């Protein structure tokens, strides 16, 4: 999973052990957070870096 820039719902579902429907809700929520910060987002995809920061608390440079 760590070789792409974005994660998809199937990646999030697998990583978190949730259904794809729940993964889409998580992606939508996190993308809305990014939009509020002024970032451009892609529906159904989420920045891997932001996903790891918000889910695992991992900060990368």
PDB file of N, CA and C in Angstrom:
ATOM      1  N   UNK A   1       0.817  -1.202   0.000  1.00  0.00           N
ATOM      2  CA  UNK A   1       0.000   0.000   0.000  1.00  0.00           C
ATOM      3  C   UNK A   1       0.856   1.259   0.000  1.00  0.00           C
ATOM      4  N   UNK A   2       2.084   1.208   0.408  1.00  0.00           N
ATOM      5  CA  UNK A   2       2.886   2.410   0.582  1.00  0.00           C
ATOM      6  C   UNK A   2       3.552   2.919  -0.692  1.00  0.00           C
ATOM      7  N   UNK A   3       3.226   2.381  -1.861  1.00  0.00           N
ATOM      8  CA  UNK A   3       3.914   2.793  -3.073  1.00  0.00           C
ATOM      9  C   UNK A   3       3.125   3.782  -3.930  1.00  0.00           C
ATOM     10  N   UNK A   4       1.956   4.217  -3.498  1.00  0.00           N
ATOM     11  CA  UNK A   4       1.168   5.175  -4.266  1.00  0.00           C
ATOM     12  C   UNK A   4       0.952   6.452  -3.463  1.00  0.00           C
ATOM     13  N   UNK A   5       0.658   7.529  -4.180  1.00  0.00           N
ATOM     14  CA  UNK A   5       0.462   8.831  -3.551  1.00  0.00           C
ATOM     15  C   UNK A   5      -0.890   8.938  -2.847  1.00  0.00           C
ATOM     16  N   UNK A   6      -1.897   8.240  -3.392  1.00  0.00           N
ATOM     17  CA  UNK A   6      -3.245   8.298  -2.844  1.00  0.00           C
ATOM     18  C   UNK A   6      -3.717   6.917  -2.412  1.00  0.00           C
ATOM     19  N   UNK A   7      -4.614   6.888  -1.432  1.00  0.00           N
ATOM     20  CA  UNK A   7      -5.279   5.650  -1.050  1.00  0.00           C
ATOM     21  C   UNK A   7      -6.707   5.710  -1.569  1.00  0.00           C
ATOM     22  N   UNK A   8      -7.247   4.556  -1.872  1.00  0.00           N
ATOM     23  CA  UNK A   8      -8.633   4.423  -2.323  1.00  0.00           C
ATOM     24  C   UNK A   8      -9.434   3.756  -1.217  1.00  0.00           C
ATOM     25  N   UNK A   9     -10.729   3.670  -1.407  1.00  0.00           N
ATOM     26  CA  UNK A   9     -11.605   3.086  -0.388  1.00  0.00           C
ATOM     27  C   UNK A   9     -11.212   1.642  -0.083  1.00  0.00           C
ATOM     28  N   UNK A  10     -10.836   0.885  -1.103  1.00  0.00           N
ATOM     29  CA  UNK A  10     -10.452  -0.507  -0.854  1.00  0.00           C
ATOM     30  C   UNK A  10      -9.206  -0.587   0.023  1.00  0.00           C
ATOM     31  N   UNK A  11      -8.264   0.357  -0.162  1.00  0.00           N
ATOM     32  CA  UNK A  11      -7.052   0.393   0.671  1.00  0.00           C
ATOM     33  C   UNK A  11      -7.399   0.737   2.120  1.00  0.00           C
ATOM     34  N   UNK A  12      -8.246   1.748   2.276  1.00  0.00           N
ATOM     35  CA  UNK A  12      -8.647   2.179   3.619  1.00  0.00           C
ATOM     36  C   UNK A  12      -9.415   1.054   4.320  1.00  0.00           C
ATOM     37  N   UNK A  13     -10.327   0.408   3.612  1.00  0.00           N
ATOM     38  CA  UNK A  13     -11.119  -0.680   4.191  1.00  0.00           C
ATOM     39  C   UNK A  13     -10.216  -1.808   4.669  1.00  0.00           C
ATOM     40  N   UNK A  14      -9.269  -2.182   3.842  1.00  0.00           N
ATOM     41  CA  UNK A  14      -8.349  -3.259   4.184  1.00  0.00           C
ATOM     42  C   UNK A  14      -7.473  -2.882   5.381  1.00  0.00           C
ATOM     43  N   UNK A  15      -6.921  -1.683   5.354  1.00  0.00           N
ATOM     44  CA  UNK A  15      -6.012  -1.225   6.407  1.00  0.00           C
ATOM     45  C   UNK A  15      -6.712  -1.079   7.758  1.00  0.00           C
ATOM     46  N   UNK A  16      -7.969  -0.624   7.741  1.00  0.00           N
ATOM     47  CA  UNK A  16      -8.680  -0.366   8.987  1.00  0.00           C
ATOM     48  C   UNK A  16      -9.630  -1.487   9.390  1.00  0.00           C
ATOM     49  N   UNK A  17      -9.834  -2.456   8.501  1.00  0.00           N
ATOM     50  CA  UNK A  17     -10.731  -3.563   8.826  1.00  0.00           C
ATOM     51  C   UNK A  17     -12.190  -3.159   8.862  1.00  0.00           C
ATOM     52  N   UNK A  18     -12.572  -2.277   7.932  1.00  0.00           N
ATOM     53  CA  UNK A  18     -13.965  -1.825   7.860  1.00  0.00           C
ATOM     54  C   UNK A  18     -14.507  -2.122   6.458  1.00  0.00           C
ATOM     55  N   UNK A  19     -15.800  -1.922   6.277  1.00  0.00           N
ATOM     56  CA  UNK A  19     -16.407  -2.132   4.964  1.00  0.00           C
ATOM     57  C   UNK A  19     -15.993  -0.997   4.024  1.00  0.00           C
ATOM     58  N   UNK A  20     -16.171  -1.222   2.731  1.00  0.00           N
ATOM     59  CA  UNK A  20     -15.851  -0.169   1.767  1.00  0.00           C
ATOM     60  C   UNK A  20     -16.781   1.028   1.933  1.00  0.00           C
ATOM     61  N   UNK A  21     -18.028   0.784   2.318  1.00  0.00           N
ATOM     62  CA  UNK A  21     -18.954   1.895   2.546  1.00  0.00           C
ATOM     63  C   UNK A  21     -18.442   2.801   3.672  1.00  0.00           C
ATOM     64  N   UNK A  22     -17.950   2.191   4.734  1.00  0.00           N
ATOM     65  CA  UNK A  22     -17.392   2.966   5.840  1.00  0.00           C
ATOM     66  C   UNK A  22     -16.109   3.666   5.411  1.00  0.00           C
ATOM     67  N   UNK A  23     -15.325   3.007   4.579  1.00  0.00           N
ATOM     68  CA  UNK A  23     -14.085   3.609   4.077  1.00  0.00           C
ATOM     69  C   UNK A  23     -14.392   4.867   3.265  1.00  0.00           C
ATOM     70  N   UNK A  24     -15.451   4.822   2.454  1.00  0.00           N
ATOM     71  CA  UNK A  24     -15.845   6.012   1.695  1.00  0.00           C
ATOM     72  C   UNK A  24     -16.256   7.146   2.633  1.00  0.00           C
ATOM     73  N   UNK A  25     -16.929   6.831   3.714  1.00  0.00           N
ATOM     74  CA  UNK A  25     -17.307   7.864   4.688  1.00  0.00           C
ATOM     75  C   UNK A  25     -16.069   8.485   5.332  1.00  0.00           C
ATOM     76  N   UNK A  26     -15.083   7.659   5.646  1.00  0.00           N
ATOM     77  CA  UNK A  26     -13.835   8.150   6.245  1.00  0.00           C
ATOM     78  C   UNK A  26     -13.107   9.050   5.247  1.00  0.00           C
ATOM     79  N   UNK A  27     -13.012   8.609   4.000  1.00  0.00           N
ATOM     80  CA  UNK A  27     -12.349   9.410   2.970  1.00  0.00           C
ATOM     81  C   UNK A  27     -13.068  10.742   2.792  1.00  0.00           C
ATOM     82  N   UNK A  28     -14.396  10.711   2.744  1.00  0.00           N
ATOM     83  CA  UNK A  28     -15.181  11.939   2.583  1.00  0.00           C
ATOM     84  C   UNK A  28     -14.908  12.904   3.742  1.00  0.00           C
ATOM     85  N   UNK A  29     -14.881  12.393   4.961  1.00  0.00           N
ATOM     86  CA  UNK A  29     -14.631  13.232   6.139  1.00  0.00           C
ATOM     87  C   UNK A  29     -13.243  13.862   6.085  1.00  0.00           C
ATOM     88  N   UNK A  30     -12.243  13.048   5.787  1.00  0.00           N
ATOM     89  CA  UNK A  30     -10.869  13.559   5.757  1.00  0.00           C
ATOM     90  C   UNK A  30     -10.658  14.509   4.577  1.00  0.00           C
ATOM     91  N   UNK A  31     -11.281  14.233   3.432  1.00  0.00           N
ATOM     92  CA  UNK A  31     -11.192  15.155   2.302  1.00  0.00           C
ATOM     93  C   UNK A  31     -11.846  16.488   2.634  1.00  0.00           C
ATOM     94  N   UNK A  32     -12.945  16.465   3.378  1.00  0.00           N
ATOM     95  CA  UNK A  32     -13.581  17.725   3.796  1.00  0.00           C
ATOM     96  C   UNK A  32     -12.660  18.529   4.697  1.00  0.00           C
ATOM     97  N   UNK A  33     -11.929  17.845   5.581  1.00  0.00           N
ATOM     98  CA  UNK A  33     -10.948  18.539   6.426  1.00  0.00           C
ATOM     99  C   UNK A  33      -9.885  19.214   5.559  1.00  0.00           C
ATOM    100  N   UNK A  34      -9.406  18.495   4.545  1.00  0.00           N
ATOM    101  CA  UNK A  34      -8.395  19.061   3.652  1.00  0.00           C
ATOM    102  C   UNK A  34      -8.946  20.247   2.861  1.00  0.00           C
ATOM    103  N   UNK A  35     -10.197  20.158   2.403  1.00  0.00           N
ATOM    104  CA  UNK A  35     -10.815  21.265   1.667  1.00  0.00           C
ATOM    105  C   UNK A  35     -10.893  22.512   2.531  1.00  0.00           C
ATOM    106  N   UNK A  36     -11.236  22.336   3.808  1.00  0.00           N
ATOM    107  CA  UNK A  36     -11.323  23.469   4.727  1.00  0.00           C
ATOM    108  C   UNK A  36      -9.963  24.139   4.917  1.00  0.00           C
ATOM    109  N   UNK A  37      -8.892  23.368   4.727  1.00  0.00           N
ATOM    110  CA  UNK A  37      -7.543  23.913   4.845  1.00  0.00           C
ATOM    111  C   UNK A  37      -7.049  24.502   3.525  1.00  0.00           C
ATOM    112  N   UNK A  38      -7.893  24.423   2.482  1.00  0.00           N
ATOM    113  CA  UNK A  38      -7.557  25.025   1.205  1.00  0.00           C
ATOM    114  C   UNK A  38      -6.909  24.096   0.197  1.00  0.00           C
ATOM    115  N   UNK A  39      -6.877  22.800   0.469  1.00  0.00           N
ATOM    116  CA  UNK A  39      -6.277  21.847  -0.454  1.00  0.00           C
ATOM    117  C   UNK A  39      -7.295  21.377  -1.489  1.00  0.00           C
ATOM    118  N   UNK A  40      -6.789  20.990  -2.641  1.00  0.00           N
ATOM    119  CA  UNK A  40      -7.610  20.394  -3.686  1.00  0.00           C
ATOM    120  C   UNK A  40      -7.697  18.900  -3.395  1.00  0.00           C
ATOM    121  N   UNK A  41      -8.890  18.333  -3.507  1.00  0.00           N
ATOM    122  CA  UNK A  41      -9.075  16.907  -3.225  1.00  0.00           C
ATOM    123  C   UNK A  41      -9.690  16.208  -4.426  1.00  0.00           C
ATOM    124  N   UNK A  42      -9.569  14.892  -4.438  1.00  0.00           N
ATOM    125  CA  UNK A  42     -10.166  14.064  -5.482  1.00  0.00           C
ATOM    126  C   UNK A  42     -11.171  13.144  -4.808  1.00  0.00           C
ATOM    127  N   UNK A  43     -12.405  13.163  -5.291  1.00  0.00           N
ATOM    128  CA  UNK A  43     -13.456  12.354  -4.700  1.00  0.00           C
ATOM    129  C   UNK A  43     -13.086  10.868  -4.756  1.00  0.00           C
ATOM    130  N   UNK A  44     -13.210  10.190  -3.627  1.00  0.00           N
ATOM    131  CA  UNK A  44     -12.940   8.754  -3.564  1.00  0.00           C
ATOM    132  C   UNK A  44     -11.487   8.401  -3.360  1.00  0.00           C
ATOM    133  N   UNK A  45     -10.627   9.405  -3.285  1.00  0.00           N
ATOM    134  CA  UNK A  45      -9.201   9.178  -3.032  1.00  0.00           C
ATOM    135  C   UNK A  45      -8.743  10.144  -1.958  1.00  0.00           C
ATOM    136  N   UNK A  46      -7.697   9.741  -1.259  1.00  0.00           N
ATOM    137  CA  UNK A  46      -7.196  10.540  -0.152  1.00  0.00           C
ATOM    138  C   UNK A  46      -5.683  10.486  -0.148  1.00  0.00           C
ATOM    139  N   UNK A  47      -5.067  11.583   0.147  1.00  0.00           N
ATOM    140  CA  UNK A  47      -3.608  11.630   0.250  1.00  0.00           C
ATOM    141  C   UNK A  47      -3.139  10.591   1.275  1.00  0.00           C
ATOM    142  N   UNK A  48      -2.201   9.750   0.862  1.00  0.00           N
ATOM    143  CA  UNK A  48      -1.652   8.728   1.764  1.00  0.00           C
ATOM    144  C   UNK A  48      -1.028   9.377   2.997  1.00  0.00           C
ATOM    145  N   UNK A  49      -0.312  10.473   2.782  1.00  0.00           N
ATOM    146  CA  UNK A  49       0.345  11.157   3.890  1.00  0.00           C
ATOM    147  C   UNK A  49      -0.677  11.635   4.913  1.00  0.00           C
ATOM    148  N   UNK A  50      -1.766  12.258   4.452  1.00  0.00           N
ATOM    149  CA  UNK A  50      -2.779  12.761   5.378  1.00  0.00           C
ATOM    150  C   UNK A  50      -3.494  11.607   6.082  1.00  0.00           C
ATOM    151  N   UNK A  51      -3.759  10.537   5.350  1.00  0.00           N
ATOM    152  CA  UNK A  51      -4.379   9.352   5.939  1.00  0.00           C
ATOM    153  C   UNK A  51      -3.527   8.826   7.098  1.00  0.00           C
ATOM    154  N   UNK A  52      -2.233   8.675   6.851  1.00  0.00           N
ATOM    155  CA  UNK A  52      -1.347   8.151   7.897  1.00  0.00           C
ATOM    156  C   UNK A  52      -1.239   9.110   9.079  1.00  0.00           C
ATOM    157  N   UNK A  53      -1.212  10.402   8.809  1.00  0.00           N
ATOM    158  CA  UNK A  53      -1.161  11.386   9.897  1.00  0.00           C
ATOM    159  C   UNK A  53      -2.402  11.314  10.772  1.00  0.00           C
ATOM    160  N   UNK A  54      -3.584  11.284  10.149  1.00  0.00           N
ATOM    161  CA  UNK A  54      -4.834  11.314  10.910  1.00  0.00           C
ATOM    162  C   UNK A  54      -5.177   9.993  11.562  1.00  0.00           C
ATOM    163  N   UNK A  55      -4.849   8.882  10.922  1.00  0.00           N
ATOM    164  CA  UNK A  55      -5.223   7.581  11.473  1.00  0.00           C
ATOM    165  C   UNK A  55      -4.181   7.054  12.457  1.00  0.00           C
ATOM    166  N   UNK A  56      -2.922   7.196  12.099  1.00  0.00           N
ATOM    167  CA  UNK A  56      -1.864   6.622  12.932  1.00  0.00           C
ATOM    168  C   UNK A  56      -1.061   7.656  13.712  1.00  0.00           C
ATOM    169  N   UNK A  57      -1.248   8.927  13.404  1.00  0.00           N
ATOM    170  CA  UNK A  57      -0.474   9.968  14.092  1.00  0.00           C
ATOM    171  C   UNK A  57       0.954  10.047  13.584  1.00  0.00           C
ATOM    172  N   UNK A  58       1.210   9.518  12.382  1.00  0.00           N
ATOM    173  CA  UNK A  58       2.558   9.519  11.807  1.00  0.00           C
ATOM    174  C   UNK A  58       2.763  10.836  11.076  1.00  0.00           C
ATOM    175  N   UNK A  59       3.771  11.575  11.452  1.00  0.00           N
ATOM    176  CA  UNK A  59       4.119  12.816  10.764  1.00  0.00           C
ATOM    177  C   UNK A  59       5.326  12.542   9.885  1.00  0.00           C
ATOM    178  N   UNK A  60       5.223  12.909   8.610  1.00  0.00           N
ATOM    179  CA  UNK A  60       6.349  12.760   7.697  1.00  0.00           C
ATOM    180  C   UNK A  60       6.772  14.130   7.198  1.00  0.00           C
ATOM    181  N   UNK A  61       8.016  14.238   6.814  1.00  0.00           N
ATOM    182  CA  UNK A  61       8.525  15.532   6.342  1.00  0.00           C
ATOM    183  C   UNK A  61       8.126  15.797   4.936  1.00  0.00           C
TER     184      UNK A  61
END
